[in-house]
C-alpha atoms as a PDB file:
ATOM      1  CA  MET A   1      11.226 -22.502   8.019  1.00  0.00           C
ATOM      2  CA  LYS A   2      14.260 -20.270   7.708  1.00  0.00           C
ATOM      3  CA  ASN A   3      14.673 -17.353  10.137  1.00  0.00           C
ATOM      4  CA  ILE A   4      15.800 -13.943   8.996  1.00  0.00           C
ATOM      5  CA  ALA A   5      17.255 -11.087  11.050  1.00  0.00           C
ATOM      6  CA  TYR A   6      17.227  -7.324  10.640  1.00  0.00           C
ATOM      7  CA  PRO A   7      19.171  -4.582  12.339  1.00  0.00           C
ATOM      8  CA  ARG A   8      17.191  -3.158  15.265  1.00  0.00           C
ATOM      9  CA  ARG A   9      17.224   0.358  13.841  1.00  0.00           C
ATOM     10  CA  LYS A  10      15.650  -0.895  10.592  1.00  0.00           C
ATOM     11  CA  VAL A  11      12.898  -2.763  12.468  1.00  0.00           C
ATOM     12  CA  ILE A  12      12.150   0.421  14.443  1.00  0.00           C
ATOM     13  CA  GLU A  13      11.970   2.411  11.207  1.00  0.00           C
ATOM     14  CA  VAL A  14       9.376  -0.005   9.790  1.00  0.00           C
ATOM     15  CA  LEU A  15       7.444  -0.075  13.053  1.00  0.00           C
ATOM     16  CA  ARG A  16       7.384   3.738  13.212  1.00  0.00           C
ATOM     17  CA  THR A  17       5.883   3.821   9.722  1.00  0.00           C
ATOM     18  CA  LEU A  18       3.279   1.187  10.579  1.00  0.00           C
ATOM     19  CA  ASN A  19       2.433   2.946  13.824  1.00  0.00           C
ATOM     20  CA  GLU A  20       2.056   6.292  12.098  1.00  0.00           C
ATOM     21  CA  ILE A  21      -0.376   4.735   9.616  1.00  0.00           C
ATOM     22  CA  VAL A  22      -2.437   2.695  12.089  1.00  0.00           C
ATOM     23  CA  VAL A  23      -2.752   5.454  14.708  1.00  0.00           C
ATOM     24  CA  SER A  24      -3.453   8.166  12.113  1.00  0.00           C
ATOM     25  CA  LEU A  25      -6.124   6.047  10.404  1.00  0.00           C
ATOM     26  CA  ASP A  26      -7.663   5.427  13.799  1.00  0.00           C
ATOM     27  CA  HIS A  27      -7.704   9.186  14.463  1.00  0.00           C
ATOM     28  CA  ILE A  28      -9.214   9.896  11.054  1.00  0.00           C
ATOM     29  CA  GLY A  29     -11.824   7.194  11.671  1.00  0.00           C
ATOM     30  CA  SER A  30     -12.724   8.693  15.042  1.00  0.00           C
ATOM     31  CA  ALA A  31     -12.934  12.227  13.609  1.00  0.00           C
ATOM     32  CA  SER A  32     -14.979  11.073  10.612  1.00  0.00           C
ATOM     33  CA  TYR A  33     -18.050  10.574  12.791  1.00  0.00           C
ATOM     34  CA  ASP A  34     -18.824  14.274  12.348  1.00  0.00           C
ATOM     35  CA  MET A  35     -17.570  14.550   8.737  1.00  0.00           C
ATOM     36  CA  SER A  36     -19.298  14.317   5.417  1.00  0.00           C
ATOM     37  CA  LYS A  37     -18.123  11.643   2.958  1.00  0.00           C
ATOM     38  CA  HIS A  38     -16.293  14.361   1.020  1.00  0.00           C
ATOM     39  CA  GLU A  39     -14.523  15.577   4.190  1.00  0.00           C
ATOM     40  CA  GLN A  40     -13.513  11.999   5.102  1.00  0.00           C
ATOM     41  CA  LEU A  41     -11.995  11.431   1.678  1.00  0.00           C
ATOM     42  CA  ALA A  42     -10.218  14.796   1.882  1.00  0.00           C
ATOM     43  CA  ALA A  43      -8.780  13.885   5.276  1.00  0.00           C
ATOM     44  CA  LEU A  44      -7.510  10.555   3.949  1.00  0.00           C
ATOM     45  CA  GLU A  45      -6.038  12.201   0.873  1.00  0.00           C
ATOM     46  CA  GLU A  46      -4.298  14.855   3.000  1.00  0.00           C
ATOM     47  CA  PHE A  47      -2.887  12.188   5.314  1.00  0.00           C
ATOM     48  CA  ILE A  48      -1.624  10.007   2.477  1.00  0.00           C
ATOM     49  CA  SER A  49       0.019  12.850   0.554  1.00  0.00           C
ATOM     50  CA  GLY A  50       0.955  15.143   3.440  1.00  0.00           C
ATOM     51  CA  HIS A  51       2.630  12.359   5.430  1.00  0.00           C
ATOM     52  CA  ARG A  52       4.301  10.848   2.324  1.00  0.00           C
ATOM     53  CA  ILE A  53       2.726   7.481   3.035  1.00  0.00           C
ATOM     54  CA  PHE A  54       3.545   6.028  -0.412  1.00  0.00           C
ATOM     55  CA  HIS A  55       7.226   6.892   0.078  1.00  0.00           C
ATOM     56  CA  LYS A  56       7.340   5.567   3.645  1.00  0.00           C
ATOM     57  CA  THR A  57       5.553   2.298   2.889  1.00  0.00           C
ATOM     58  CA  ALA A  58       7.769   1.688  -0.143  1.00  0.00           C
ATOM     59  CA  LYS A  59      10.815   2.238   2.093  1.00  0.00           C
ATOM     60  CA  ALA A  60       9.413  -0.205   4.692  1.00  0.00           C
ATOM     61  CA  ARG A  61       8.822  -2.791   1.957  1.00  0.00           C
ATOM     62  CA  GLN A  62      12.375  -2.264   0.693  1.00  0.00           C
ATOM     63  CA  ILE A  63      13.773  -2.825   4.224  1.00  0.00           C
ATOM     64  CA  LEU A  64      11.791  -6.005   4.743  1.00  0.00           C
ATOM     65  CA  SER A  65      12.433  -7.319   1.246  1.00  0.00           C
ATOM     66  CA  SER A  66      16.194  -6.905   1.477  1.00  0.00           C
ATOM     67  CA  ALA A  67      16.609 -10.105   3.508  1.00  0.00           C
ATOM     68  CA  PHE A  68      15.107 -12.288   0.743  1.00  0.00           C
ATOM     69  CA  SER A  69      16.839 -13.771  -2.256  1.00  0.00           C
ATOM     70  CA  THR A  70      16.107 -12.259  -5.639  1.00  0.00           C
ATOM     71  CA  ARG A  71      17.339 -15.338  -7.482  1.00  0.00           C
ATOM     72  CA  ALA A  72      14.655 -16.843  -9.718  1.00  0.00           C
ATOM     73  CA  GLY A  73      13.658 -20.399  -8.996  1.00  0.00           C
ATOM     74  CA  ALA A  74      12.581 -23.115 -11.441  1.00  0.00           C
ATOM     75  CA  ASP A  75       9.225 -21.353 -11.792  1.00  0.00           C
ATOM     76  CA  GLY A  76      10.923 -18.118 -12.923  1.00  0.00           C
ATOM     77  CA  MET A  77       9.940 -16.257  -9.722  1.00  0.00           C
ATOM     78  CA  ASP A  78      12.014 -15.142  -6.781  1.00  0.00           C
ATOM     79  CA  GLU A  79      11.008 -16.039  -3.205  1.00  0.00           C
ATOM     80  CA  LEU A  80       8.944 -12.937  -2.525  1.00  0.00           C
ATOM     81  CA  GLU A  81       7.177 -13.014  -5.876  1.00  0.00           C
ATOM     82  CA  ARG A  82       6.118 -16.540  -5.065  1.00  0.00           C
ATOM     83  CA  GLU A  83       4.910 -15.544  -1.578  1.00  0.00           C
ATOM     84  CA  MET A  84       3.004 -12.499  -2.864  1.00  0.00           C
ATOM     85  CA  GLN A  85       1.006 -14.356  -5.519  1.00  0.00           C
ATOM     86  CA  ASN A  86      -2.237 -14.396  -3.541  1.00  0.00           C
ATOM     87  CA  VAL A  87      -2.134 -10.856  -2.148  1.00  0.00           C
ATOM     88  CA  ARG A  88      -5.418  -9.074  -2.720  1.00  0.00           C
ATOM     89  CA  TYR A  89      -4.616  -5.759  -4.427  1.00  0.00           C
ATOM     90  CA  TRP A  90      -7.115  -2.973  -4.855  1.00  0.00           C
ATOM     91  CA  THR A  91      -8.688  -2.610  -8.300  1.00  0.00           C
ATOM     92  CA  ALA A  92     -11.156  -0.083  -9.589  1.00  0.00           C
ATOM     93  CA  PRO A  93     -14.773  -1.203  -9.434  1.00  0.00           C
ATOM     94  CA  LYS A  94     -15.865  -2.808 -12.686  1.00  0.00           C
ATOM     95  CA  THR A  95     -18.712  -0.384 -13.318  1.00  0.00           C
ATOM     96  CA  LYS A  96     -16.361   2.630 -13.168  1.00  0.00           C
ATOM     97  CA  GLN A  97     -13.850   0.890 -15.448  1.00  0.00           C
ATOM     98  CA  LYS A  98     -16.609   0.202 -18.009  1.00  0.00           C
ATOM     99  CA  ARG A  99     -17.737   3.825 -17.888  1.00  0.00           C
ATOM    100  CA  ARG A 100     -14.180   5.084 -18.368  1.00  0.00           C
ATOM    101  CA  THR A 101     -13.631   2.705 -21.268  1.00  0.00           C
ATOM    102  CA  LYS A 102     -16.855   3.872 -22.933  1.00  0.00           C
ATOM    103  CA  GLN A 103     -15.878   7.528 -22.385  1.00  0.00           C
ATOM    104  CA  MET A 104     -12.441   6.882 -23.884  1.00  0.00           C
ATOM    105  CA  HIS A 105     -13.990   5.261 -26.961  1.00  0.00           C
ATOM    106  CA  ARG A 106     -16.363   8.200 -27.377  1.00  0.00           C
ATOM    107  CA  THR A 107     -13.564  10.751 -27.174  1.00  0.00           C
ATOM    108  CA  ARG A 108     -11.407   8.884 -29.714  1.00  0.00           C
ATOM    109  CA  ARG A 109     -14.082   9.043 -32.415  1.00  0.00           C
END
């Protein structure tokens, strides 16, 4: 296994982002005991948008990805693409997708 190294300040930047997310989600989880489902979702939405979580996590991914080769191998994938093949990504529940598809077909007619 090949080792990789990062500048200390970059590792701290990534760790600050991860810490912000983990601690904030813990705080939201603790506070949600007295919240309705709607209030819980609103708190999560406010945290994600208000704290620019998409931007910060994309930046953290960019920092960590920078040490890996982007050269395609014999399989046509670079090293990280190959390593990320089995990551479980969120997808919309099938029942909601079917309803949306049916609604789209109805509105097109």
